[in-house]
C-alpha atoms as a PDB file:
ATOM      1  CA  MET A   1     -38.031 -45.465 -78.411  1.00  0.00           C
ATOM      2  CA  ASN A   2     -34.823 -45.983 -80.295  1.00  0.00           C
ATOM      3  CA  LYS A   3     -32.049 -43.541 -79.261  1.00  0.00           C
ATOM      4  CA  ALA A   4     -30.845 -43.208 -82.834  1.00  0.00           C
ATOM      5  CA  GLN A   5     -34.331 -42.185 -83.977  1.00  0.00           C
ATOM      6  CA  LEU A   6     -34.524 -39.575 -81.215  1.00  0.00           C
ATOM      7  CA  GLU A   7     -31.152 -38.168 -82.199  1.00  0.00           C
ATOM      8  CA  LEU A   8     -32.248 -37.952 -85.839  1.00  0.00           C
ATOM      9  CA  TRP A   9     -35.396 -36.096 -84.803  1.00  0.00           C
ATOM     10  CA  ILE A  10     -33.268 -33.688 -82.770  1.00  0.00           C
ATOM     11  CA  ILE A  11     -30.946 -33.033 -85.709  1.00  0.00           C
ATOM     12  CA  ASP A  12     -33.930 -32.514 -88.003  1.00  0.00           C
ATOM     13  CA  ALA A  13     -35.572 -30.193 -85.467  1.00  0.00           C
ATOM     14  CA  GLN A  14     -32.351 -28.170 -85.309  1.00  0.00           C
ATOM     15  CA  ARG A  15     -32.668 -27.731 -89.063  1.00  0.00           C
ATOM     16  CA  GLY A  16     -36.215 -26.442 -88.655  1.00  0.00           C
ATOM     17  CA  CYS A  17     -38.310 -29.561 -89.241  1.00  0.00           C
ATOM     18  CA  GLU A  18     -41.548 -28.998 -87.337  1.00  0.00           C
ATOM     19  CA  LYS A  19     -42.661 -32.629 -87.656  1.00  0.00           C
ATOM     20  CA  SER A  20     -39.482 -33.841 -85.928  1.00  0.00           C
ATOM     21  CA  PHE A  21     -39.902 -31.253 -83.183  1.00  0.00           C
ATOM     22  CA  GLU A  22     -43.469 -32.472 -82.695  1.00  0.00           C
ATOM     23  CA  GLN A  23     -42.225 -36.075 -82.388  1.00  0.00           C
ATOM     24  CA  ILE A  24     -39.677 -35.004 -79.774  1.00  0.00           C
ATOM     25  CA  CYS A  25     -42.432 -33.216 -77.843  1.00  0.00           C
ATOM     26  CA  ARG A  26     -44.690 -36.252 -77.940  1.00  0.00           C
ATOM     27  CA  HIS A  27     -41.901 -38.476 -76.704  1.00  0.00           C
ATOM     28  CA  TYR A  28     -40.640 -36.347 -73.809  1.00  0.00           C
ATOM     29  CA  HIS A  29     -43.699 -34.342 -72.746  1.00  0.00           C
ATOM     30  CA  PRO A  30     -45.329 -36.865 -70.348  1.00  0.00           C
ATOM     31  CA  ALA A  31     -42.044 -37.603 -68.551  1.00  0.00           C
ATOM     32  CA  LEU A  32     -41.226 -33.890 -68.287  1.00  0.00           C
ATOM     33  CA  LEU A  33     -44.635 -33.248 -66.750  1.00  0.00           C
ATOM     34  CA  ARG A  34     -44.038 -35.972 -64.163  1.00  0.00           C
ATOM     35  CA  PHE A  35     -40.607 -34.561 -63.350  1.00  0.00           C
ATOM     36  CA  SER A  36     -41.902 -31.003 -63.006  1.00  0.00           C
ATOM     37  CA  TYR A  37     -44.793 -32.223 -60.868  1.00  0.00           C
ATOM     38  CA  LYS A  38     -42.336 -34.009 -58.564  1.00  0.00           C
ATOM     39  CA  ILE A  39     -40.583 -30.688 -58.012  1.00  0.00           C
ATOM     40  CA  CYS A  40     -43.633 -28.486 -57.369  1.00  0.00           C
ATOM     41  CA  ASN A  41     -46.575 -30.806 -56.541  1.00  0.00           C
ATOM     42  CA  ASP A  42     -48.869 -28.580 -58.600  1.00  0.00           C
ATOM     43  CA  GLU A  43     -50.267 -29.737 -61.942  1.00  0.00           C
ATOM     44  CA  ASN A  44     -50.814 -26.192 -63.206  1.00  0.00           C
ATOM     45  CA  VAL A  45     -47.286 -25.077 -62.384  1.00  0.00           C
ATOM     46  CA  ALA A  46     -45.927 -28.275 -63.944  1.00  0.00           C
ATOM     47  CA  ARG A  47     -47.887 -27.706 -67.161  1.00  0.00           C
ATOM     48  CA  ASP A  48     -46.784 -24.070 -67.374  1.00  0.00           C
ATOM     49  CA  ALA A  49     -43.151 -24.902 -66.652  1.00  0.00           C
ATOM     50  CA  VAL A  50     -43.031 -27.603 -69.322  1.00  0.00           C
ATOM     51  CA  GLN A  51     -44.818 -25.381 -71.828  1.00  0.00           C
ATOM     52  CA  ASN A  52     -42.380 -22.521 -71.109  1.00  0.00           C
ATOM     53  CA  SER A  53     -39.513 -24.950 -71.572  1.00  0.00           C
ATOM     54  CA  TRP A  54     -40.762 -26.054 -74.981  1.00  0.00           C
ATOM     55  CA  LEU A  55     -41.130 -22.420 -76.015  1.00  0.00           C
ATOM     56  CA  LYS A  56     -37.595 -21.587 -74.898  1.00  0.00           C
ATOM     57  CA  LEU A  57     -36.325 -24.711 -76.610  1.00  0.00           C
ATOM     58  CA  THR A  58     -37.746 -23.620 -79.966  1.00  0.00           C
ATOM     59  CA  LYS A  59     -35.478 -20.592 -79.802  1.00  0.00           C
ATOM     60  CA  SER A  60     -32.367 -22.360 -78.565  1.00  0.00           C
ATOM     61  CA  ILE A  61     -32.378 -25.892 -80.021  1.00  0.00           C
ATOM     62  CA  ARG A  62     -29.839 -24.917 -82.670  1.00  0.00           C
ATOM     63  CA  GLN A  63     -27.320 -24.159 -79.908  1.00  0.00           C
ATOM     64  CA  LEU A  64     -27.245 -27.805 -78.804  1.00  0.00           C
ATOM     65  CA  GLN A  65     -24.039 -29.247 -80.228  1.00  0.00           C
ATOM     66  CA  ASP A  66     -24.504 -32.898 -79.265  1.00  0.00           C
ATOM     67  CA  PRO A  67     -27.937 -34.474 -79.806  1.00  0.00           C
ATOM     68  CA  ARG A  68     -27.075 -37.108 -77.184  1.00  0.00           C
ATOM     69  CA  ALA A  69     -27.128 -34.355 -74.546  1.00  0.00           C
ATOM     70  CA  PHE A  70     -30.708 -33.353 -75.384  1.00  0.00           C
ATOM     71  CA  LYS A  71     -32.372 -35.353 -72.605  1.00  0.00           C
ATOM     72  CA  SER A  72     -30.338 -33.825 -69.801  1.00  0.00           C
ATOM     73  CA  TRP A  73     -30.586 -30.425 -71.489  1.00  0.00           C
ATOM     74  CA  ILE A  74     -34.418 -30.423 -71.618  1.00  0.00           C
ATOM     75  CA  TYR A  75     -34.743 -31.798 -68.083  1.00  0.00           C
ATOM     76  CA  ARG A  76     -32.445 -29.074 -66.802  1.00  0.00           C
ATOM     77  CA  LEU A  77     -34.523 -26.456 -68.625  1.00  0.00           C
ATOM     78  CA  VAL A  78     -37.751 -27.849 -67.123  1.00  0.00           C
ATOM     79  CA  ARG A  79     -36.209 -27.911 -63.659  1.00  0.00           C
ATOM     80  CA  TRP A  80     -35.219 -24.246 -63.853  1.00  0.00           C
ATOM     81  CA  GLN A  81     -38.569 -23.204 -65.323  1.00  0.00           C
ATOM     82  CA  THR A  82     -40.398 -25.057 -62.552  1.00  0.00           C
ATOM     83  CA  LEU A  83     -38.238 -23.548 -59.820  1.00  0.00           C
ATOM     84  CA  ASP A  84     -38.703 -20.076 -61.332  1.00  0.00           C
ATOM     85  CA  LEU A  85     -42.486 -20.434 -61.361  1.00  0.00           C
ATOM     86  CA  VAL A  86     -42.513 -21.740 -57.801  1.00  0.00           C
ATOM     87  CA  LYS A  87     -40.257 -18.900 -56.684  1.00  0.00           C
ATOM     88  CA  LYS A  88     -42.491 -16.310 -58.358  1.00  0.00           C
ATOM     89  CA  GLY A  89     -45.460 -17.875 -56.643  1.00  0.00           C
ATOM     90  CA  ALA A  90     -47.334 -18.145 -59.903  1.00  0.00           C
ATOM     91  CA  LYS A  91     -50.964 -18.471 -58.893  1.00  0.00           C
ATOM     92  CA  ASP A  92     -52.970 -17.284 -61.886  1.00  0.00           C
ATOM     93  CA  PHE A  93     -53.477 -20.264 -64.130  1.00  0.00           C
ATOM     94  CA  ILE A  94     -56.088 -21.142 -66.676  1.00  0.00           C
ATOM     95  CA  GLU A  95     -57.986 -24.180 -65.483  1.00  0.00           C
ATOM     96  CA  PHE A  96     -58.458 -26.773 -68.218  1.00  0.00           C
ATOM     97  CA  THR A  97     -61.577 -28.869 -68.246  1.00  0.00           C
ATOM     98  CA  ASP A  98     -60.736 -31.068 -71.212  1.00  0.00           C
ATOM     99  CA  GLU A  99     -60.407 -34.598 -69.856  1.00  0.00           C
ATOM    100  CA  GLU A 100     -57.387 -35.274 -72.072  1.00  0.00           C
ATOM    101  CA  VAL A 101     -55.484 -32.326 -70.602  1.00  0.00           C
ATOM    102  CA  THR A 102     -56.428 -32.916 -66.971  1.00  0.00           C
ATOM    103  CA  THR A 103     -55.042 -36.442 -67.114  1.00  0.00           C
ATOM    104  CA  GLU A 104     -51.794 -35.220 -68.646  1.00  0.00           C
ATOM    105  CA  VAL A 105     -49.797 -35.576 -65.433  1.00  0.00           C
ATOM    106  CA  VAL A 106     -49.583 -39.329 -65.135  1.00  0.00           C
ATOM    107  CA  ARG A 107     -49.410 -40.799 -61.682  1.00  0.00           C
ATOM    108  CA  PRO A 108     -48.322 -44.406 -61.156  1.00  0.00           C
ATOM    109  CA  GLN A 109     -51.042 -46.977 -60.499  1.00  0.00           C
ATOM    110  CA  GLU A 110     -51.046 -48.340 -56.977  1.00  0.00           C
ATOM    111  CA  GLU A 111     -51.085 -52.120 -56.781  1.00  0.00           C
ATOM    112  CA  ASN A 112     -51.062 -52.259 -53.016  1.00  0.00           C
ATOM    113  CA  ALA A 113     -52.559 -49.102 -51.548  1.00  0.00           C
ATOM    114  CA  ASP A 114     -51.015 -49.517 -48.079  1.00  0.00           C
ATOM    115  CA  ASP A 115     -47.474 -50.063 -49.359  1.00  0.00           C
ATOM    116  CA  ALA A 116     -47.834 -47.308 -51.935  1.00  0.00           C
ATOM    117  CA  HIS A 117     -49.150 -44.897 -49.300  1.00  0.00           C
ATOM    118  CA  ARG A 118     -46.314 -45.778 -46.932  1.00  0.00           C
ATOM    119  CA  LEU A 119     -43.703 -45.347 -49.690  1.00  0.00           C
ATOM    120  CA  LYS A 120     -45.254 -42.018 -50.674  1.00  0.00           C
ATOM    121  CA  ASN A 121     -45.016 -40.771 -47.080  1.00  0.00           C
ATOM    122  CA  VAL A 122     -41.419 -41.918 -46.749  1.00  0.00           C
ATOM    123  CA  MET A 123     -40.515 -40.301 -50.089  1.00  0.00           C
ATOM    124  CA  ALA A 124     -42.158 -37.061 -48.964  1.00  0.00           C
ATOM    125  CA  ALA A 125     -39.746 -36.941 -46.034  1.00  0.00           C
ATOM    126  CA  LEU A 126     -36.735 -36.808 -48.372  1.00  0.00           C
ATOM    127  CA  SER A 127     -35.233 -33.461 -49.264  1.00  0.00           C
ATOM    128  CA  ASP A 128     -36.368 -31.956 -52.561  1.00  0.00           C
ATOM    129  CA  LEU A 129     -32.949 -32.483 -54.129  1.00  0.00           C
ATOM    130  CA  ASP A 130     -32.844 -36.125 -53.032  1.00  0.00           C
ATOM    131  CA  LYS A 131     -36.343 -36.678 -54.482  1.00  0.00           C
ATOM    132  CA  GLN A 132     -35.247 -35.167 -57.788  1.00  0.00           C
ATOM    133  CA  ALA A 133     -32.142 -37.374 -57.936  1.00  0.00           C
ATOM    134  CA  ILE A 134     -34.183 -40.506 -57.143  1.00  0.00           C
ATOM    135  CA  HIS A 135     -36.794 -39.594 -59.757  1.00  0.00           C
ATOM    136  CA  LEU A 136     -34.236 -38.956 -62.496  1.00  0.00           C
ATOM    137  CA  PHE A 137     -32.205 -42.074 -61.719  1.00  0.00           C
ATOM    138  CA  TYR A 138     -34.962 -44.648 -61.228  1.00  0.00           C
ATOM    139  CA  LEU A 139     -37.955 -43.334 -63.146  1.00  0.00           C
ATOM    140  CA  GLU A 140     -36.274 -41.514 -66.016  1.00  0.00           C
ATOM    141  CA  GLU A 141     -33.320 -43.941 -66.096  1.00  0.00           C
ATOM    142  CA  MET A 142     -30.750 -41.196 -66.516  1.00  0.00           C
ATOM    143  CA  ARG A 143     -27.038 -41.772 -66.105  1.00  0.00           C
ATOM    144  CA  LEU A 144     -25.216 -40.082 -63.233  1.00  0.00           C
ATOM    145  CA  ALA A 145     -23.558 -37.586 -65.593  1.00  0.00           C
ATOM    146  CA  GLU A 146     -26.940 -36.604 -67.028  1.00  0.00           C
ATOM    147  CA  ILE A 147     -28.414 -36.130 -63.558  1.00  0.00           C
ATOM    148  CA  ALA A 148     -25.416 -34.018 -62.582  1.00  0.00           C
ATOM    149  CA  HIS A 149     -26.055 -31.813 -65.603  1.00  0.00           C
ATOM    150  CA  VAL A 150     -29.784 -31.478 -64.831  1.00  0.00           C
ATOM    151  CA  LEU A 151     -29.228 -30.666 -61.156  1.00  0.00           C
ATOM    152  CA  ASP A 152     -26.134 -28.559 -61.880  1.00  0.00           C
ATOM    153  CA  VAL A 153     -23.973 -30.409 -59.363  1.00  0.00           C
ATOM    154  CA  PRO A 154     -20.880 -32.649 -59.605  1.00  0.00           C
ATOM    155  CA  VAL A 155     -21.352 -36.386 -60.247  1.00  0.00           C
ATOM    156  CA  GLY A 156     -20.030 -37.142 -56.752  1.00  0.00           C
ATOM    157  CA  THR A 157     -22.834 -35.057 -55.267  1.00  0.00           C
ATOM    158  CA  VAL A 158     -25.404 -37.021 -57.266  1.00  0.00           C
ATOM    159  CA  LYS A 159     -23.896 -40.274 -55.978  1.00  0.00           C
ATOM    160  CA  SER A 160     -24.024 -39.086 -52.372  1.00  0.00           C
ATOM    161  CA  ARG A 161     -27.623 -37.831 -52.744  1.00  0.00           C
ATOM    162  CA  LEU A 162     -28.720 -41.147 -54.210  1.00  0.00           C
ATOM    163  CA  ASN A 163     -26.897 -43.068 -51.496  1.00  0.00           C
ATOM    164  CA  ARG A 164     -28.343 -40.891 -48.730  1.00  0.00           C
ATOM    165  CA  ALA A 165     -31.850 -41.179 -50.188  1.00  0.00           C
ATOM    166  CA  ARG A 166     -31.588 -44.977 -50.543  1.00  0.00           C
ATOM    167  CA  ASN A 167     -30.334 -45.322 -46.974  1.00  0.00           C
ATOM    168  CA  ASN A 168     -33.145 -43.108 -45.655  1.00  0.00           C
ATOM    169  CA  LEU A 169     -35.743 -45.087 -47.591  1.00  0.00           C
ATOM    170  CA  LYS A 170     -34.285 -48.404 -46.409  1.00  0.00           C
ATOM    171  CA  LYS A 171     -34.252 -47.244 -42.781  1.00  0.00           C
ATOM    172  CA  GLN A 172     -37.784 -45.873 -42.899  1.00  0.00           C
ATOM    173  CA  LEU A 173     -39.248 -48.912 -44.669  1.00  0.00           C
ATOM    174  CA  SER A 174     -37.647 -51.548 -42.461  1.00  0.00           C
END
């Protein structure tokens, strides 16, 4: 998706255009679900956290001064919503049976099951914060400054977390 188009949708959504807000949701929703799922490992919590984030965003989108900051802003909101739900121990969820909804949290396809399983185990050994930094950097292709904003830490901390995570992965996989 073209960054300029996204920024125009954000500006339009700030002015109250529902169609633009819907386009933003369609664009970011799957990635936000994956990110939330990485934090909590629970599809129901991830869905609720992302949904809560969209609801909060409808009330606060006009406060965003720079449309270019939207991506880090929404990821940060999803992160906090997910952590809040995990902390509260939210256990009462409505189970969806619609096939379209249950496949909403997209998991990567495994080309080589053994390597993928080994990588998954090694990734599981990383700290939660290191996993989040790796996910945002490699899968969501965020810049260091954006990751720092999402995780609410200095850029230097993001760099050290990424470096530590890479070194741990390298050591474990070799």
